[in-house]
Amino acid sequence: MTKAELIARVANRKDLPRTLTKKAYGRIVDAVFTEVGDYFIRARPSISNPPRLCYPGFGTFTKRRRRSRTVRNPRTRAAIVIPAHCTVVFALGQELKNLINRVPDRRASSAA
Protein backbone atom coordinates (compact mmCIF):
# COMPACT_ATOMS: atom_id res chain seq x y z
CA MET A 1 0.00 0.00 0.00
CA THR A 2 1.31 3.42 -0.85
CA LYS A 3 0.96 6.58 1.21
CA ALA A 4 -1.69 7.91 -1.18
CA GLU A 5 -3.66 4.66 -0.91
CA LEU A 6 -3.49 4.81 2.90
CA ILE A 7 -4.74 8.40 2.93
CA ALA A 8 -7.58 7.51 0.54
CA ARG A 9 -8.62 4.54 2.71
CA VAL A 10 -8.60 6.66 5.86
CA ALA A 11 -10.57 9.44 4.14
CA ASN A 12 -13.20 6.95 2.92
CA ARG A 13 -13.94 5.50 6.36
CA LYS A 14 -17.57 5.90 7.34
CA ASP A 15 -16.86 6.51 11.04
CA LEU A 16 -14.76 9.66 10.43
CA PRO A 17 -16.10 13.17 9.79
CA ARG A 18 -16.91 14.07 6.19
CA THR A 19 -15.93 17.70 6.77
CA LEU A 20 -12.19 17.02 6.40
CA THR A 21 -10.44 16.99 3.02
CA LYS A 22 -7.99 14.36 1.79
CA LYS A 23 -5.25 16.93 2.29
CA ALA A 24 -6.22 17.23 5.98
CA TYR A 25 -6.24 13.45 6.36
CA GLY A 26 -2.81 13.38 4.70
CA ARG A 27 -1.50 15.83 7.29
CA ILE A 28 -2.92 13.69 10.09
CA VAL A 29 -1.29 10.53 8.69
CA ASP A 30 2.01 12.41 8.27
CA ALA A 31 1.78 13.71 11.85
CA VAL A 32 1.23 10.21 13.25
CA PHE A 33 4.21 8.76 11.41
CA THR A 34 6.39 11.76 12.33
CA GLU A 35 5.56 11.31 16.02
CA VAL A 36 6.29 7.58 15.88
CA GLY A 37 9.60 8.23 14.12
CA ASP A 38 10.58 10.98 16.59
CA TYR A 39 9.78 8.69 19.52
CA PHE A 40 12.12 5.97 18.25
CA ILE A 41 14.85 8.47 17.32
CA ARG A 42 14.88 10.05 20.79
CA ALA A 43 14.32 6.92 22.86
CA ARG A 44 17.43 5.14 24.11
CA PRO A 45 17.22 1.36 24.21
CA SER A 46 18.30 -0.49 27.34
CA ILE A 47 18.23 -4.19 28.07
CA SER A 48 15.72 -3.90 30.89
CA ASN A 49 13.41 -1.30 29.31
CA PRO A 50 13.51 -1.06 25.50
CA PRO A 51 11.42 1.68 23.83
CA ARG A 52 8.12 0.20 22.68
CA LEU A 53 5.08 1.41 20.82
CA CYS A 54 2.09 -0.83 21.44
CA TYR A 55 -1.08 -0.55 19.40
CA PRO A 56 -3.55 -3.06 20.85
CA GLY A 57 -4.82 -5.57 18.32
CA PHE A 58 -2.29 -4.47 15.68
CA GLY A 59 1.12 -5.12 17.19
CA THR A 60 4.18 -3.80 18.98
CA PHE A 61 7.15 -1.93 17.58
CA THR A 62 10.32 -2.28 19.69
CA LYS A 63 13.63 -0.47 19.27
CA ARG A 64 16.63 -2.80 19.60
CA ARG A 65 20.36 -2.23 19.57
CA ARG A 66 22.34 -4.67 17.43
CA ARG A 67 25.96 -5.32 18.25
CA SER A 68 28.70 -5.00 15.68
CA ARG A 69 29.51 -8.24 13.91
CA THR A 70 31.86 -9.64 11.32
CA VAL A 71 30.39 -11.20 8.19
CA ARG A 72 31.81 -12.47 4.92
CA ASN A 73 31.21 -11.05 1.47
CA PRO A 74 29.82 -14.06 -0.42
CA ARG A 75 31.49 -13.05 -3.66
CA THR A 76 35.02 -12.26 -2.46
CA ARG A 77 35.03 -14.07 0.91
CA ALA A 78 36.51 -10.92 2.45
CA ALA A 79 35.60 -10.20 6.08
CA ILE A 80 33.38 -7.15 6.58
CA VAL A 81 32.60 -5.53 9.91
CA ILE A 82 29.03 -4.32 10.28
CA PRO A 83 29.00 -1.61 12.97
CA ALA A 84 26.59 -1.58 15.88
CA HIS A 85 23.28 0.08 15.10
CA CYS A 86 19.69 0.39 16.27
CA THR A 87 16.74 -1.14 14.49
CA VAL A 88 12.99 -1.41 15.03
CA VAL A 89 11.33 -4.81 15.10
CA PHE A 90 7.61 -5.53 14.83
CA ALA A 91 5.60 -8.25 16.55
CA LEU A 92 2.06 -8.91 15.37
CA GLY A 93 -0.78 -8.45 17.82
CA GLN A 94 -3.01 -11.45 18.44
CA GLU A 95 -6.07 -9.95 16.70
CA LEU A 96 -4.12 -9.11 13.53
CA LYS A 97 -2.44 -12.51 13.59
CA ASN A 98 -5.85 -14.20 13.79
CA LEU A 99 -7.19 -12.09 10.91
CA ILE A 100 -4.19 -12.87 8.71
CA ASN A 101 -4.31 -16.60 9.45
CA ARG A 102 -8.10 -16.85 9.33
CA VAL A 103 -9.36 -19.99 7.68
CA PRO A 104 -12.13 -19.17 5.19
CA ASP A 105 -15.57 -20.45 6.11
CA ARG A 106 -16.07 -23.59 3.99
CA ARG A 107 -19.85 -23.50 4.32
CA ALA A 108 -20.03 -20.14 2.50
CA SER A 109 -17.91 -21.34 -0.43
CA SER A 110 -19.78 -24.67 -0.84
CA ALA A 111 -23.19 -22.93 -0.87
CA ALA A 112 -22.29 -20.86 -3.92
C-alpha atoms as a PDB file:
ATOM      1  CA  MET A   1       0.000   0.000   0.000  1.00  0.00           C
ATOM      2  CA  THR A   2       1.314   3.422  -0.854  1.00  0.00           C
ATOM      3  CA  LYS A   3       0.962   6.582   1.215  1.00  0.00           C
ATOM      4  CA  ALA A   4      -1.690   7.908  -1.184  1.00  0.00           C
ATOM      5  CA  GLU A   5      -3.659   4.664  -0.908  1.00  0.00           C
ATOM      6  CA  LEU A   6      -3.488   4.813   2.902  1.00  0.00           C
ATOM      7  CA  ILE A   7      -4.740   8.403   2.934  1.00  0.00           C
ATOM      8  CA  ALA A   8      -7.578   7.505   0.542  1.00  0.00           C
ATOM      9  CA  ARG A   9      -8.616   4.541   2.705  1.00  0.00           C
ATOM     10  CA  VAL A  10      -8.604   6.662   5.859  1.00  0.00           C
ATOM     11  CA  ALA A  11     -10.575   9.439   4.139  1.00  0.00           C
ATOM     12  CA  ASN A  12     -13.195   6.951   2.919  1.00  0.00           C
ATOM     13  CA  ARG A  13     -13.940   5.502   6.357  1.00  0.00           C
ATOM     14  CA  LYS A  14     -17.574   5.899   7.341  1.00  0.00           C
ATOM     15  CA  ASP A  15     -16.855   6.509  11.045  1.00  0.00           C
ATOM     16  CA  LEU A  16     -14.765   9.658  10.429  1.00  0.00           C
ATOM     17  CA  PRO A  17     -16.100  13.166   9.791  1.00  0.00           C
ATOM     18  CA  ARG A  18     -16.906  14.065   6.195  1.00  0.00           C
ATOM     19  CA  THR A  19     -15.930  17.696   6.769  1.00  0.00           C
ATOM     20  CA  LEU A  20     -12.194  17.024   6.395  1.00  0.00           C
ATOM     21  CA  THR A  21     -10.443  16.992   3.023  1.00  0.00           C
ATOM     22  CA  LYS A  22      -7.991  14.361   1.786  1.00  0.00           C
ATOM     23  CA  LYS A  23      -5.247  16.927   2.292  1.00  0.00           C
ATOM     24  CA  ALA A  24      -6.223  17.226   5.975  1.00  0.00           C
ATOM     25  CA  TYR A  25      -6.240  13.449   6.360  1.00  0.00           C
ATOM     26  CA  GLY A  26      -2.814  13.383   4.702  1.00  0.00           C
ATOM     27  CA  ARG A  27      -1.497  15.834   7.294  1.00  0.00           C
ATOM     28  CA  ILE A  28      -2.923  13.686  10.086  1.00  0.00           C
ATOM     29  CA  VAL A  29      -1.291  10.529   8.693  1.00  0.00           C
ATOM     30  CA  ASP A  30       2.012  12.407   8.275  1.00  0.00           C
ATOM     31  CA  ALA A  31       1.784  13.710  11.851  1.00  0.00           C
ATOM     32  CA  VAL A  32       1.228  10.215  13.249  1.00  0.00           C
ATOM     33  CA  PHE A  33       4.214   8.756  11.407  1.00  0.00           C
ATOM     34  CA  THR A  34       6.388  11.756  12.329  1.00  0.00           C
ATOM     35  CA  GLU A  35       5.559  11.315  16.018  1.00  0.00           C
ATOM     36  CA  VAL A  36       6.286   7.581  15.878  1.00  0.00           C
ATOM     37  CA  GLY A  37       9.597   8.231  14.125  1.00  0.00           C
ATOM     38  CA  ASP A  38      10.576  10.981  16.587  1.00  0.00           C
ATOM     39  CA  TYR A  39       9.775   8.692  19.516  1.00  0.00           C
ATOM     40  CA  PHE A  40      12.122   5.975  18.249  1.00  0.00           C
ATOM     41  CA  ILE A  41      14.847   8.475  17.321  1.00  0.00           C
ATOM     42  CA  ARG A  42      14.876  10.052  20.788  1.00  0.00           C
ATOM     43  CA  ALA A  43      14.323   6.916  22.862  1.00  0.00           C
ATOM     44  CA  ARG A  44      17.429   5.144  24.112  1.00  0.00           C
ATOM     45  CA  PRO A  45      17.216   1.357  24.214  1.00  0.00           C
ATOM     46  CA  SER A  46      18.298  -0.491  27.336  1.00  0.00           C
ATOM     47  CA  ILE A  47      18.234  -4.194  28.071  1.00  0.00           C
ATOM     48  CA  SER A  48      15.721  -3.898  30.888  1.00  0.00           C
ATOM     49  CA  ASN A  49      13.409  -1.302  29.311  1.00  0.00           C
ATOM     50  CA  PRO A  50      13.510  -1.061  25.499  1.00  0.00           C
ATOM     51  CA  PRO A  51      11.424   1.677  23.833  1.00  0.00           C
ATOM     52  CA  ARG A  52       8.119   0.196  22.684  1.00  0.00           C
ATOM     53  CA  LEU A  53       5.081   1.411  20.817  1.00  0.00           C
ATOM     54  CA  CYS A  54       2.088  -0.833  21.443  1.00  0.00           C
ATOM     55  CA  TYR A  55      -1.076  -0.552  19.399  1.00  0.00           C
ATOM     56  CA  PRO A  56      -3.551  -3.063  20.847  1.00  0.00           C
ATOM     57  CA  GLY A  57      -4.815  -5.569  18.316  1.00  0.00           C
ATOM     58  CA  PHE A  58      -2.294  -4.470  15.677  1.00  0.00           C
ATOM     59  CA  GLY A  59       1.121  -5.115  17.195  1.00  0.00           C
ATOM     60  CA  THR A  60       4.180  -3.802  18.978  1.00  0.00           C
ATOM     61  CA  PHE A  61       7.155  -1.928  17.578  1.00  0.00           C
ATOM     62  CA  THR A  62      10.315  -2.276  19.693  1.00  0.00           C
ATOM     63  CA  LYS A  63      13.635  -0.470  19.266  1.00  0.00           C
ATOM     64  CA  ARG A  64      16.633  -2.796  19.604  1.00  0.00           C
ATOM     65  CA  ARG A  65      20.355  -2.234  19.568  1.00  0.00           C
ATOM     66  CA  ARG A  66      22.336  -4.673  17.427  1.00  0.00           C
ATOM     67  CA  ARG A  67      25.957  -5.317  18.248  1.00  0.00           C
ATOM     68  CA  SER A  68      28.700  -4.997  15.684  1.00  0.00           C
ATOM     69  CA  ARG A  69      29.513  -8.236  13.907  1.00  0.00           C
ATOM     70  CA  THR A  70      31.858  -9.637  11.321  1.00  0.00           C
ATOM     71  CA  VAL A  71      30.388 -11.201   8.189  1.00  0.00           C
ATOM     72  CA  ARG A  72      31.815 -12.473   4.917  1.00  0.00           C
ATOM     73  CA  ASN A  73      31.210 -11.052   1.468  1.00  0.00           C
ATOM     74  CA  PRO A  74      29.819 -14.064  -0.420  1.00  0.00           C
ATOM     75  CA  ARG A  75      31.494 -13.055  -3.664  1.00  0.00           C
ATOM     76  CA  THR A  76      35.024 -12.256  -2.456  1.00  0.00           C
ATOM     77  CA  ARG A  77      35.025 -14.071   0.911  1.00  0.00           C
ATOM     78  CA  ALA A  78      36.513 -10.922   2.454  1.00  0.00           C
ATOM     79  CA  ALA A  79      35.601 -10.203   6.081  1.00  0.00           C
ATOM     80  CA  ILE A  80      33.384  -7.147   6.577  1.00  0.00           C
ATOM     81  CA  VAL A  81      32.601  -5.527   9.911  1.00  0.00           C
ATOM     82  CA  ILE A  82      29.026  -4.318  10.281  1.00  0.00           C
ATOM     83  CA  PRO A  83      29.000  -1.607  12.967  1.00  0.00           C
ATOM     84  CA  ALA A  84      26.587  -1.576  15.883  1.00  0.00           C
ATOM     85  CA  HIS A  85      23.278   0.077  15.097  1.00  0.00           C
ATOM     86  CA  CYS A  86      19.693   0.392  16.270  1.00  0.00           C
ATOM     87  CA  THR A  87      16.742  -1.141  14.495  1.00  0.00           C
ATOM     88  CA  VAL A  88      12.995  -1.408  15.033  1.00  0.00           C
ATOM     89  CA  VAL A  89      11.334  -4.811  15.101  1.00  0.00           C
ATOM     90  CA  PHE A  90       7.612  -5.528  14.830  1.00  0.00           C
ATOM     91  CA  ALA A  91       5.600  -8.253  16.549  1.00  0.00           C
ATOM     92  CA  LEU A  92       2.059  -8.913  15.374  1.00  0.00           C
ATOM     93  CA  GLY A  93      -0.780  -8.455  17.820  1.00  0.00           C
ATOM     94  CA  GLN A  94      -3.009 -11.454  18.441  1.00  0.00           C
ATOM     95  CA  GLU A  95      -6.069  -9.948  16.704  1.00  0.00           C
ATOM     96  CA  LEU A  96      -4.120  -9.111  13.525  1.00  0.00           C
ATOM     97  CA  LYS A  97      -2.436 -12.512  13.587  1.00  0.00           C
ATOM     98  CA  ASN A  98      -5.849 -14.195  13.791  1.00  0.00           C
ATOM     99  CA  LEU A  99      -7.193 -12.094  10.909  1.00  0.00           C
ATOM    100  CA  ILE A 100      -4.193 -12.866   8.705  1.00  0.00           C
ATOM    101  CA  ASN A 101      -4.309 -16.604   9.449  1.00  0.00           C
ATOM    102  CA  ARG A 102      -8.099 -16.845   9.331  1.00  0.00           C
ATOM    103  CA  VAL A 103      -9.362 -19.994   7.680  1.00  0.00           C
ATOM    104  CA  PRO A 104     -12.134 -19.167   5.190  1.00  0.00           C
ATOM    105  CA  ASP A 105     -15.575 -20.453   6.114  1.00  0.00           C
ATOM    106  CA  ARG A 106     -16.065 -23.585   3.991  1.00  0.00           C
ATOM    107  CA  ARG A 107     -19.846 -23.502   4.317  1.00  0.00           C
ATOM    108  CA  ALA A 108     -20.028 -20.144   2.505  1.00  0.00           C
ATOM    109  CA  SER A 109     -17.913 -21.344  -0.430  1.00  0.00           C
ATOM    110  CA  SER A 110     -19.779 -24.668  -0.836  1.00  0.00           C
ATOM    111  CA  ALA A 111     -23.189 -22.934  -0.871  1.00  0.00           C
ATOM    112  CA  ALA A 112     -22.286 -20.858  -3.920  1.00  0.00           C
END
